[in-house]
């Protein structure tokens, strides 16, 4: 009977971990969208929006730099967020399938 409980706990833990990873990826995708949208606005230095932009830059830019090394901007058009989001969506689906 103890083995059944242990396997049940493992299954619940695995499902919970998978759901946590999916929610984390979803939140990160939303942050990337916010980063892209906020890049269209130039706030003053001391405004609250500047602090939000700095936070988004600190959170999103390290991940986006991975893609900017491979995919160079085409003039003013930066396609790296699109590919970064695509990779996150594929990763989310893989987590859902395997966990």
PDB file of N, CA and C in Angstrom:
ATOM      1  N   UNK A   1       0.825  -1.197   0.000  1.00  0.00           N
ATOM      2  CA  UNK A   1       0.000   0.000   0.000  1.00  0.00           C
ATOM      3  C   UNK A   1       0.867   1.257   0.000  1.00  0.00           C
ATOM      4  N   UNK A   2       2.062   1.180   0.624  1.00  0.00           N
ATOM      5  CA  UNK A   2       2.957   2.322   0.672  1.00  0.00           C
ATOM      6  C   UNK A   2       3.506   2.683  -0.693  1.00  0.00           C
ATOM      7  N   UNK A   3       3.724   1.648  -1.535  1.00  0.00           N
ATOM      8  CA  UNK A   3       4.229   1.904  -2.883  1.00  0.00           C
ATOM      9  C   UNK A   3       3.223   2.674  -3.713  1.00  0.00           C
ATOM     10  N   UNK A   4       1.956   2.361  -3.548  1.00  0.00           N
ATOM     11  CA  UNK A   4       0.908   3.052  -4.302  1.00  0.00           C
ATOM     12  C   UNK A   4       0.871   4.530  -3.913  1.00  0.00           C
ATOM     13  N   UNK A   5       0.965   4.796  -2.627  1.00  0.00           N
ATOM     14  CA  UNK A   5       0.974   6.192  -2.166  1.00  0.00           C
ATOM     15  C   UNK A   5       2.202   6.944  -2.667  1.00  0.00           C
ATOM     16  N   UNK A   6       3.333   6.258  -2.652  1.00  0.00           N
ATOM     17  CA  UNK A   6       4.565   6.897  -3.130  1.00  0.00           C
ATOM     18  C   UNK A   6       4.462   7.233  -4.607  1.00  0.00           C
ATOM     19  N   UNK A   7       3.919   6.321  -5.405  1.00  0.00           N
ATOM     20  CA  UNK A   7       3.753   6.595  -6.837  1.00  0.00           C
ATOM     21  C   UNK A   7       2.721   7.692  -7.068  1.00  0.00           C
ATOM     22  N   UNK A   8       1.678   7.704  -6.265  1.00  0.00           N
ATOM     23  CA  UNK A   8       0.664   8.756  -6.397  1.00  0.00           C
ATOM     24  C   UNK A   8       1.260  10.121  -6.063  1.00  0.00           C
ATOM     25  N   UNK A   9       2.071  10.173  -5.006  1.00  0.00           N
ATOM     26  CA  UNK A   9       2.720  11.434  -4.640  1.00  0.00           C
ATOM     27  C   UNK A   9       3.689  11.884  -5.723  1.00  0.00           C
ATOM     28  N   UNK A  10       4.409  10.948  -6.309  1.00  0.00           N
ATOM     29  CA  UNK A  10       5.334  11.270  -7.392  1.00  0.00           C
ATOM     30  C   UNK A  10       4.587  11.803  -8.607  1.00  0.00           C
ATOM     31  N   UNK A  11       3.447  11.192  -8.920  1.00  0.00           N
ATOM     32  CA  UNK A  11       2.647  11.650 -10.064  1.00  0.00           C
ATOM     33  C   UNK A  11       2.111  13.054  -9.828  1.00  0.00           C
ATOM     34  N   UNK A  12       1.643  13.308  -8.613  1.00  0.00           N
ATOM     35  CA  UNK A  12       1.130  14.641  -8.284  1.00  0.00           C
ATOM     36  C   UNK A  12       2.258  15.658  -8.314  1.00  0.00           C
ATOM     37  N   UNK A  13       3.413  15.298  -7.782  1.00  0.00           N
ATOM     38  CA  UNK A  13       4.557  16.210  -7.780  1.00  0.00           C
ATOM     39  C   UNK A  13       5.019  16.524  -9.200  1.00  0.00           C
ATOM     40  N   UNK A  14       5.045  15.519 -10.054  1.00  0.00           N
ATOM     41  CA  UNK A  14       5.454  15.720 -11.441  1.00  0.00           C
ATOM     42  C   UNK A  14       4.464  16.624 -12.161  1.00  0.00           C
ATOM     43  N   UNK A  15       3.182  16.401 -11.951  1.00  0.00           N
ATOM     44  CA  UNK A  15       2.160  17.232 -12.587  1.00  0.00           C
ATOM     45  C   UNK A  15       2.253  18.674 -12.085  1.00  0.00           C
ATOM     46  N   UNK A  16       2.496  18.837 -10.794  1.00  0.00           N
ATOM     47  CA  UNK A  16       2.631  20.174 -10.225  1.00  0.00           C
ATOM     48  C   UNK A  16       3.861  20.881 -10.783  1.00  0.00           C
ATOM     49  N   UNK A  17       4.964  20.167 -10.889  1.00  0.00           N
ATOM     50  CA  UNK A  17       6.169  20.746 -11.466  1.00  0.00           C
ATOM     51  C   UNK A  17       5.946  21.152 -12.922  1.00  0.00           C
ATOM     52  N   UNK A  18       5.291  20.297 -13.682  1.00  0.00           N
ATOM     53  CA  UNK A  18       4.991  20.613 -15.076  1.00  0.00           C
ATOM     54  C   UNK A  18       4.118  21.842 -15.197  1.00  0.00           C
ATOM     55  N   UNK A  19       3.121  21.945 -14.347  1.00  0.00           N
ATOM     56  CA  UNK A  19       2.230  23.122 -14.380  1.00  0.00           C
ATOM     57  C   UNK A  19       2.987  24.381 -13.976  1.00  0.00           C
ATOM     58  N   UNK A  20       3.870  24.277 -12.984  1.00  0.00           N
ATOM     59  CA  UNK A  20       4.675  25.426 -12.567  1.00  0.00           C
ATOM     60  C   UNK A  20       5.549  25.917 -13.715  1.00  0.00           C
ATOM     61  N   UNK A  21       6.187  24.993 -14.417  1.00  0.00           N
ATOM     62  CA  UNK A  21       7.057  25.373 -15.536  1.00  0.00           C
ATOM     63  C   UNK A  21       6.238  26.032 -16.638  1.00  0.00           C
ATOM     64  N   UNK A  22       5.046  25.515 -16.916  1.00  0.00           N
ATOM     65  CA  UNK A  22       4.206  26.110 -17.950  1.00  0.00           C
ATOM     66  C   UNK A  22       3.766  27.524 -17.567  1.00  0.00           C
ATOM     67  N   UNK A  23       3.392  27.724 -16.322  1.00  0.00           N
ATOM     68  CA  UNK A  23       2.991  29.063 -15.874  1.00  0.00           C
ATOM     69  C   UNK A  23       4.183  30.009 -15.909  1.00  0.00           C
ATOM     70  N   UNK A  24       5.354  29.539 -15.510  1.00  0.00           N
ATOM     71  CA  UNK A  24       6.563  30.356 -15.559  1.00  0.00           C
ATOM     72  C   UNK A  24       6.854  30.793 -16.989  1.00  0.00           C
ATOM     73  N   UNK A  25       6.741  29.870 -17.928  1.00  0.00           N
ATOM     74  CA  UNK A  25       6.980  30.204 -19.337  1.00  0.00           C
ATOM     75  C   UNK A  25       5.949  31.202 -19.829  1.00  0.00           C
ATOM     76  N   UNK A  26       4.693  31.030 -19.453  1.00  0.00           N
ATOM     77  CA  UNK A  26       3.647  31.971 -19.858  1.00  0.00           C
ATOM     78  C   UNK A  26       3.925  33.371 -19.325  1.00  0.00           C
ATOM     79  N   UNK A  27       4.324  33.472 -18.074  1.00  0.00           N
ATOM     80  CA  UNK A  27       4.647  34.768 -17.486  1.00  0.00           C
ATOM     81  C   UNK A  27       5.834  35.399 -18.209  1.00  0.00           C
ATOM     82  N   UNK A  28       6.821  34.600 -18.557  1.00  0.00           N
ATOM     83  CA  UNK A  28       7.994  35.120 -19.266  1.00  0.00           C
ATOM     84  C   UNK A  28       7.618  35.613 -20.659  1.00  0.00           C
ATOM     85  N   UNK A  29       6.695  34.920 -21.321  1.00  0.00           N
ATOM     86  CA  UNK A  29       6.215  35.379 -22.631  1.00  0.00           C
ATOM     87  C   UNK A  29       5.516  36.722 -22.494  1.00  0.00           C
ATOM     88  N   UNK A  30       4.707  36.870 -21.467  1.00  0.00           N
ATOM     89  CA  UNK A  30       4.025  38.148 -21.230  1.00  0.00           C
ATOM     90  C   UNK A  30       5.048  39.251 -20.950  1.00  0.00           C
ATOM     91  N   UNK A  31       6.089  38.942 -20.193  1.00  0.00           N
ATOM     92  CA  UNK A  31       7.130  39.932 -19.932  1.00  0.00           C
ATOM     93  C   UNK A  31       7.861  40.340 -21.217  1.00  0.00           C
ATOM     94  N   UNK A  32       8.090  39.394 -22.114  1.00  0.00           N
ATOM     95  CA  UNK A  32       8.731  39.739 -23.387  1.00  0.00           C
ATOM     96  C   UNK A  32       7.818  40.641 -24.208  1.00  0.00           C
ATOM     97  N   UNK A  33       6.511  40.336 -24.233  1.00  0.00           N
ATOM     98  CA  UNK A  33       5.576  41.217 -24.939  1.00  0.00           C
ATOM     99  C   UNK A  33       5.595  42.619 -24.337  1.00  0.00           C
ATOM    100  N   UNK A  34       5.595  42.704 -23.016  1.00  0.00           N
ATOM    101  CA  UNK A  34       5.640  44.013 -22.358  1.00  0.00           C
ATOM    102  C   UNK A  34       6.941  44.735 -22.684  1.00  0.00           C
ATOM    103  N   UNK A  35       8.039  43.999 -22.756  1.00  0.00           N
ATOM    104  CA  UNK A  35       9.343  44.575 -23.116  1.00  0.00           C
ATOM    105  C   UNK A  35       9.298  45.177 -24.515  1.00  0.00           C
ATOM    106  N   UNK A  36       8.730  44.433 -25.450  1.00  0.00           N
ATOM    107  CA  UNK A  36       8.646  44.920 -26.830  1.00  0.00           C
ATOM    108  C   UNK A  36       7.745  46.154 -26.907  1.00  0.00           C
ATOM    109  N   UNK A  37       6.593  46.099 -26.266  1.00  0.00           N
ATOM    110  CA  UNK A  37       5.671  47.243 -26.310  1.00  0.00           C
ATOM    111  C   UNK A  37       6.259  48.474 -25.626  1.00  0.00           C
ATOM    112  N   UNK A  38       6.962  48.256 -24.513  1.00  0.00           N
ATOM    113  CA  UNK A  38       7.524  49.409 -23.805  1.00  0.00           C
ATOM    114  C   UNK A  38       8.710  50.008 -24.539  1.00  0.00           C
ATOM    115  N   UNK A  39       9.300  49.247 -25.444  1.00  0.00           N
ATOM    116  CA  UNK A  39      10.426  49.796 -26.201  1.00  0.00           C
ATOM    117  C   UNK A  39       9.978  50.843 -27.212  1.00  0.00           C
ATOM    118  N   UNK A  40       8.699  50.921 -27.479  1.00  0.00           N
ATOM    119  CA  UNK A  40       8.169  51.912 -28.413  1.00  0.00           C
ATOM    120  C   UNK A  40       7.965  53.271 -27.759  1.00  0.00           C
ATOM    121  N   UNK A  41       8.109  53.336 -26.430  1.00  0.00           N
ATOM    122  CA  UNK A  41       7.842  54.573 -25.677  1.00  0.00           C
ATOM    123  C   UNK A  41       9.153  55.059 -25.065  1.00  0.00           C
ATOM    124  N   UNK A  42       9.405  56.353 -25.143  1.00  0.00           N
ATOM    125  CA  UNK A  42      10.583  56.955 -24.520  1.00  0.00           C
ATOM    126  C   UNK A  42      10.140  57.815 -23.330  1.00  0.00           C
ATOM    127  N   UNK A  43      10.159  57.251 -22.124  1.00  0.00           N
ATOM    128  CA  UNK A  43       9.744  58.043 -20.965  1.00  0.00           C
ATOM    129  C   UNK A  43      10.881  58.953 -20.490  1.00  0.00           C
ATOM    130  N   UNK A  44      10.512  59.889 -19.635  1.00  0.00           N
ATOM    131  CA  UNK A  44      11.566  60.701 -19.021  1.00  0.00           C
ATOM    132  C   UNK A  44      12.347  59.823 -18.048  1.00  0.00           C
ATOM    133  N   UNK A  45      13.516  60.279 -17.679  1.00  0.00           N
ATOM    134  CA  UNK A  45      14.432  59.466 -16.878  1.00  0.00           C
ATOM    135  C   UNK A  45      13.853  59.094 -15.514  1.00  0.00           C
ATOM    136  N   UNK A  46      13.129  60.009 -14.888  1.00  0.00           N
ATOM    137  CA  UNK A  46      12.673  59.775 -13.516  1.00  0.00           C
ATOM    138  C   UNK A  46      11.242  59.245 -13.432  1.00  0.00           C
ATOM    139  N   UNK A  47      10.613  58.932 -14.544  1.00  0.00           N
ATOM    140  CA  UNK A  47       9.219  58.482 -14.490  1.00  0.00           C
ATOM    141  C   UNK A  47       9.142  57.018 -14.032  1.00  0.00           C
ATOM    142  N   UNK A  48       7.986  56.624 -13.508  1.00  0.00           N
ATOM    143  CA  UNK A  48       7.809  55.221 -13.100  1.00  0.00           C
ATOM    144  C   UNK A  48       7.928  54.255 -14.291  1.00  0.00           C
ATOM    145  N   UNK A  49       7.553  54.716 -15.469  1.00  0.00           N
ATOM    146  CA  UNK A  49       7.667  53.866 -16.644  1.00  0.00           C
ATOM    147  C   UNK A  49       9.122  53.541 -16.954  1.00  0.00           C
ATOM    148  N   UNK A  50      10.022  54.459 -16.667  1.00  0.00           N
ATOM    149  CA  UNK A  50      11.447  54.191 -16.884  1.00  0.00           C
ATOM    150  C   UNK A  50      11.926  53.059 -15.971  1.00  0.00           C
ATOM    151  N   UNK A  51      11.410  53.014 -14.766  1.00  0.00           N
ATOM    152  CA  UNK A  51      11.779  51.936 -13.842  1.00  0.00           C
ATOM    153  C   UNK A  51      11.215  50.594 -14.310  1.00  0.00           C
ATOM    154  N   UNK A  52       9.995  50.626 -14.839  1.00  0.00           N
ATOM    155  CA  UNK A  52       9.398  49.401 -15.380  1.00  0.00           C
ATOM    156  C   UNK A  52      10.193  48.924 -16.594  1.00  0.00           C
ATOM    157  N   UNK A  53      10.573  49.864 -17.460  1.00  0.00           N
ATOM    158  CA  UNK A  53      11.384  49.506 -18.620  1.00  0.00           C
ATOM    159  C   UNK A  53      12.727  48.924 -18.204  1.00  0.00           C
ATOM    160  N   UNK A  54      13.326  49.480 -17.188  1.00  0.00           N
ATOM    161  CA  UNK A  54      14.611  48.953 -16.719  1.00  0.00           C
ATOM    162  C   UNK A  54      14.454  47.537 -16.168  1.00  0.00           C
ATOM    163  N   UNK A  55      13.374  47.297 -15.427  1.00  0.00           N
ATOM    164  CA  UNK A  55      13.093  45.949 -14.922  1.00  0.00           C
ATOM    165  C   UNK A  55      12.910  44.968 -16.078  1.00  0.00           C
ATOM    166  N   UNK A  56      12.103  45.350 -17.066  1.00  0.00           N
ATOM    167  CA  UNK A  56      11.869  44.474 -18.210  1.00  0.00           C
ATOM    168  C   UNK A  56      13.161  44.214 -18.984  1.00  0.00           C
ATOM    169  N   UNK A  57      13.986  45.233 -19.100  1.00  0.00           N
ATOM    170  CA  UNK A  57      15.274  45.075 -19.771  1.00  0.00           C
ATOM    171  C   UNK A  57      16.158  44.082 -19.006  1.00  0.00           C
ATOM    172  N   UNK A  58      16.213  44.239 -17.692  1.00  0.00           N
ATOM    173  CA  UNK A  58      17.040  43.350 -16.867  1.00  0.00           C
ATOM    174  C   UNK A  58      16.567  41.905 -16.911  1.00  0.00           C
ATOM    175  N   UNK A  59      15.251  41.703 -17.035  1.00  0.00           N
ATOM    176  CA  UNK A  59      14.691  40.350 -17.016  1.00  0.00           C
ATOM    177  C   UNK A  59      14.740  39.698 -18.398  1.00  0.00           C
ATOM    178  N   UNK A  60      14.414  40.447 -19.436  1.00  0.00           N
ATOM    179  CA  UNK A  60      14.248  39.860 -20.772  1.00  0.00           C
ATOM    180  C   UNK A  60      15.499  39.893 -21.632  1.00  0.00           C
ATOM    181  N   UNK A  61      16.324  40.894 -21.460  1.00  0.00           N
ATOM    182  CA  UNK A  61      17.443  41.073 -22.374  1.00  0.00           C
ATOM    183  C   UNK A  61      18.469  39.928 -22.356  1.00  0.00           C
ATOM    184  N   UNK A  62      18.808  39.325 -21.221  1.00  0.00           N
ATOM    185  CA  UNK A  62      19.765  38.204 -21.269  1.00  0.00           C
ATOM    186  C   UNK A  62      19.272  37.040 -22.135  1.00  0.00           C
ATOM    187  N   UNK A  63      17.988  36.732 -22.053  1.00  0.00           N
ATOM    188  CA  UNK A  63      17.431  35.658 -22.883  1.00  0.00           C
ATOM    189  C   UNK A  63      17.378  36.076 -24.348  1.00  0.00           C
ATOM    190  N   UNK A  64      16.994  37.305 -24.616  1.00  0.00           N
ATOM    191  CA  UNK A  64      16.887  37.768 -26.002  1.00  0.00           C
ATOM    192  C   UNK A  64      18.255  37.893 -26.664  1.00  0.00           C
ATOM    193  N   UNK A  65      19.280  38.175 -25.870  1.00  0.00           N
ATOM    194  CA  UNK A  65      20.639  38.267 -26.428  1.00  0.00           C
ATOM    195  C   UNK A  65      21.100  36.956 -27.049  1.00  0.00           C
ATOM    196  N   UNK A  66      20.627  35.837 -26.524  1.00  0.00           N
ATOM    197  CA  UNK A  66      20.955  34.540 -27.114  1.00  0.00           C
ATOM    198  C   UNK A  66      20.505  34.476 -28.571  1.00  0.00           C
ATOM    199  N   UNK A  67      19.347  35.039 -28.852  1.00  0.00           N
ATOM    200  CA  UNK A  67      18.804  35.011 -30.200  1.00  0.00           C
ATOM    201  C   UNK A  67      19.375  36.127 -31.062  1.00  0.00           C
ATOM    202  N   UNK A  68      19.744  37.239 -30.449  1.00  0.00           N
ATOM    203  CA  UNK A  68      20.322  38.343 -31.218  1.00  0.00           C
ATOM    204  C   UNK A  68      21.704  37.989 -31.764  1.00  0.00           C
ATOM    205  N   UNK A  69      22.386  37.049 -31.134  1.00  0.00           N
ATOM    206  CA  UNK A  69      23.680  36.595 -31.659  1.00  0.00           C
ATOM    207  C   UNK A  69      23.508  35.873 -32.985  1.00  0.00           C
ATOM    208  N   UNK A  70      22.407  35.155 -33.112  1.00  0.00           N
ATOM    209  CA  UNK A  70      22.152  34.360 -34.307  1.00  0.00           C
ATOM    210  C   UNK A  70      21.366  35.158 -35.345  1.00  0.00           C
ATOM    211  N   UNK A  71      20.340  35.875 -34.885  1.00  0.00           N
ATOM    212  CA  UNK A  71      19.447  36.615 -35.771  1.00  0.00           C
ATOM    213  C   UNK A  71      19.736  38.097 -35.602  1.00  0.00           C
ATOM    214  N   UNK A  72      20.437  38.667 -36.518  1.00  0.00           N
ATOM    215  CA  UNK A  72      20.767  40.091 -36.455  1.00  0.00           C
ATOM    216  C   UNK A  72      19.539  40.927 -36.794  1.00  0.00           C
ATOM    217  N   UNK A  73      19.403  42.110 -36.176  1.00  0.00           N
ATOM    218  CA  UNK A  73      18.294  42.995 -36.532  1.00  0.00           C
ATOM    219  C   UNK A  73      18.370  43.405 -38.003  1.00  0.00           C
ATOM    220  N   UNK A  74      17.217  43.505 -38.623  1.00  0.00           N
ATOM    221  CA  UNK A  74      17.119  43.949 -40.014  1.00  0.00           C
ATOM    222  C   UNK A  74      16.718  45.418 -39.979  1.00  0.00           C
ATOM    223  N   UNK A  75      17.703  46.287 -40.027  1.00  0.00           N
ATOM    224  CA  UNK A  75      17.426  47.718 -39.883  1.00  0.00           C
ATOM    225  C   UNK A  75      16.893  47.972 -38.485  1.00  0.00           C
ATOM    226  N   UNK A  76      15.741  48.636 -38.393  1.00  0.00           N
ATOM    227  CA  UNK A  76      15.170  48.881 -37.067  1.00  0.00           C
ATOM    228  C   UNK A  76      14.322  47.707 -36.550  1.00  0.00           C
ATOM    229  N   UNK A  77      14.178  46.662 -37.348  1.00  0.00           N
ATOM    230  CA  UNK A  77      13.317  45.537 -36.994  1.00  0.00           C
ATOM    231  C   UNK A  77      14.125  44.430 -36.316  1.00  0.00           C
ATOM    232  N   UNK A  78      13.782  44.153 -35.060  1.00  0.00           N
ATOM    233  CA  UNK A  78      14.446  43.110 -34.283  1.00  0.00           C
ATOM    234  C   UNK A  78      13.500  41.908 -34.193  1.00  0.00           C
ATOM    235  N   UNK A  79      13.879  40.813 -34.806  1.00  0.00           N
ATOM    236  CA  UNK A  79      13.036  39.622 -34.828  1.00  0.00           C
ATOM    237  C   UNK A  79      13.329  38.657 -33.683  1.00  0.00           C
ATOM    238  N   UNK A  80      14.309  38.958 -32.860  1.00  0.00           N
ATOM    239  CA  UNK A  80      14.694  38.037 -31.795  1.00  0.00           C
ATOM    240  C   UNK A  80      13.568  37.758 -30.795  1.00  0.00           C
ATOM    241  N   UNK A  81      12.720  38.726 -30.415  1.00  0.00           N
ATOM    242  CA  UNK A  81      11.628  38.380 -29.497  1.00  0.00           C
ATOM    243  C   UNK A  81      10.646  37.366 -30.083  1.00  0.00           C
ATOM    244  N   UNK A  82      10.422  37.452 -31.390  1.00  0.00           N
ATOM    245  CA  UNK A  82       9.507  36.512 -32.020  1.00  0.00           C
ATOM    246  C   UNK A  82      10.048  35.087 -31.947  1.00  0.00           C
ATOM    247  N   UNK A  83      11.324  34.917 -32.237  1.00  0.00           N
ATOM    248  CA  UNK A  83      11.918  33.577 -32.170  1.00  0.00           C
ATOM    249  C   UNK A  83      12.056  33.110 -30.722  1.00  0.00           C
ATOM    250  N   UNK A  84      12.325  34.030 -29.817  1.00  0.00           N
ATOM    251  CA  UNK A  84      12.436  33.666 -28.405  1.00  0.00           C
ATOM    252  C   UNK A  84      11.096  33.158 -27.872  1.00  0.00           C
ATOM    253  N   UNK A  85      10.014  33.822 -28.254  1.00  0.00           N
ATOM    254  CA  UNK A  85       8.681  33.390 -27.831  1.00  0.00           C
ATOM    255  C   UNK A  85       8.335  32.052 -28.468  1.00  0.00           C
ATOM    256  N   UNK A  86       8.697  31.864 -29.715  1.00  0.00           N
ATOM    257  CA  UNK A  86       8.444  30.595 -30.393  1.00  0.00           C
ATOM    258  C   UNK A  86       9.152  29.447 -29.675  1.00  0.00           C
ATOM    259  N   UNK A  87      10.396  29.654 -29.267  1.00  0.00           N
ATOM    260  CA  UNK A  87      11.140  28.627 -28.530  1.00  0.00           C
ATOM    261  C   UNK A  87      10.460  28.347 -27.183  1.00  0.00           C
ATOM    262  N   UNK A  88       9.979  29.377 -26.516  1.00  0.00           N
ATOM    263  CA  UNK A  88       9.298  29.173 -25.238  1.00  0.00           C
ATOM    264  C   UNK A  88       7.998  28.394 -25.409  1.00  0.00           C
ATOM    265  N   UNK A  89       7.273  28.659 -26.484  1.00  0.00           N
ATOM    266  CA  UNK A  89       6.028  27.925 -26.735  1.00  0.00           C
ATOM    267  C   UNK A  89       6.328  26.451 -26.997  1.00  0.00           C
ATOM    268  N   UNK A  90       7.354  26.179 -27.798  1.00  0.00           N
ATOM    269  CA  UNK A  90       7.738  24.790 -28.066  1.00  0.00           C
ATOM    270  C   UNK A  90       8.178  24.107 -26.767  1.00  0.00           C
ATOM    271  N   UNK A  91       8.950  24.806 -25.960  1.00  0.00           N
ATOM    272  CA  UNK A  91       9.391  24.246 -24.678  1.00  0.00           C
ATOM    273  C   UNK A  91       8.203  23.946 -23.766  1.00  0.00           C
ATOM    274  N   UNK A  92       7.224  24.840 -23.745  1.00  0.00           N
ATOM    275  CA  UNK A  92       6.031  24.623 -22.925  1.00  0.00           C
ATOM    276  C   UNK A  92       5.269  23.384 -23.379  1.00  0.00           C
ATOM    277  N   UNK A  93       5.162  23.207 -24.674  1.00  0.00           N
ATOM    278  CA  UNK A  93       4.463  22.024 -25.186  1.00  0.00           C
ATOM    279  C   UNK A  93       5.239  20.741 -24.897  1.00  0.00           C
ATOM    280  N   UNK A  94       6.553  20.803 -24.962  1.00  0.00           N
ATOM    281  CA  UNK A  94       7.351  19.630 -24.624  1.00  0.00           C
ATOM    282  C   UNK A  94       7.199  19.276 -23.153  1.00  0.00           C
ATOM    283  N   UNK A  95       7.185  20.266 -22.300  1.00  0.00           N
ATOM    284  CA  UNK A  95       6.983  20.009 -20.865  1.00  0.00           C
ATOM    285  C   UNK A  95       5.615  19.406 -20.625  1.00  0.00           C
ATOM    286  N   UNK A  96       4.605  19.925 -21.308  1.00  0.00           N
ATOM    287  CA  UNK A  96       3.257  19.384 -21.138  1.00  0.00           C
ATOM    288  C   UNK A  96       3.176  17.943 -21.614  1.00  0.00           C
ATOM    289  N   UNK A  97       3.895  17.620 -22.671  1.00  0.00           N
ATOM    290  CA  UNK A  97       3.844  16.264 -23.203  1.00  0.00           C
ATOM    291  C   UNK A  97       4.591  15.264 -22.323  1.00  0.00           C
ATOM    292  N   UNK A  98       5.763  15.666 -21.811  1.00  0.00           N
ATOM    293  CA  UNK A  98       6.594  14.725 -21.070  1.00  0.00           C
ATOM    294  C   UNK A  98       6.310  14.690 -19.574  1.00  0.00           C
ATOM    295  N   UNK A  99       5.726  15.742 -19.041  1.00  0.00           N
ATOM    296  CA  UNK A  99       5.397  15.718 -17.620  1.00  0.00           C
ATOM    297  C   UNK A  99       3.902  15.630 -17.464  1.00  0.00           C
TER     298      UNK A  99
END
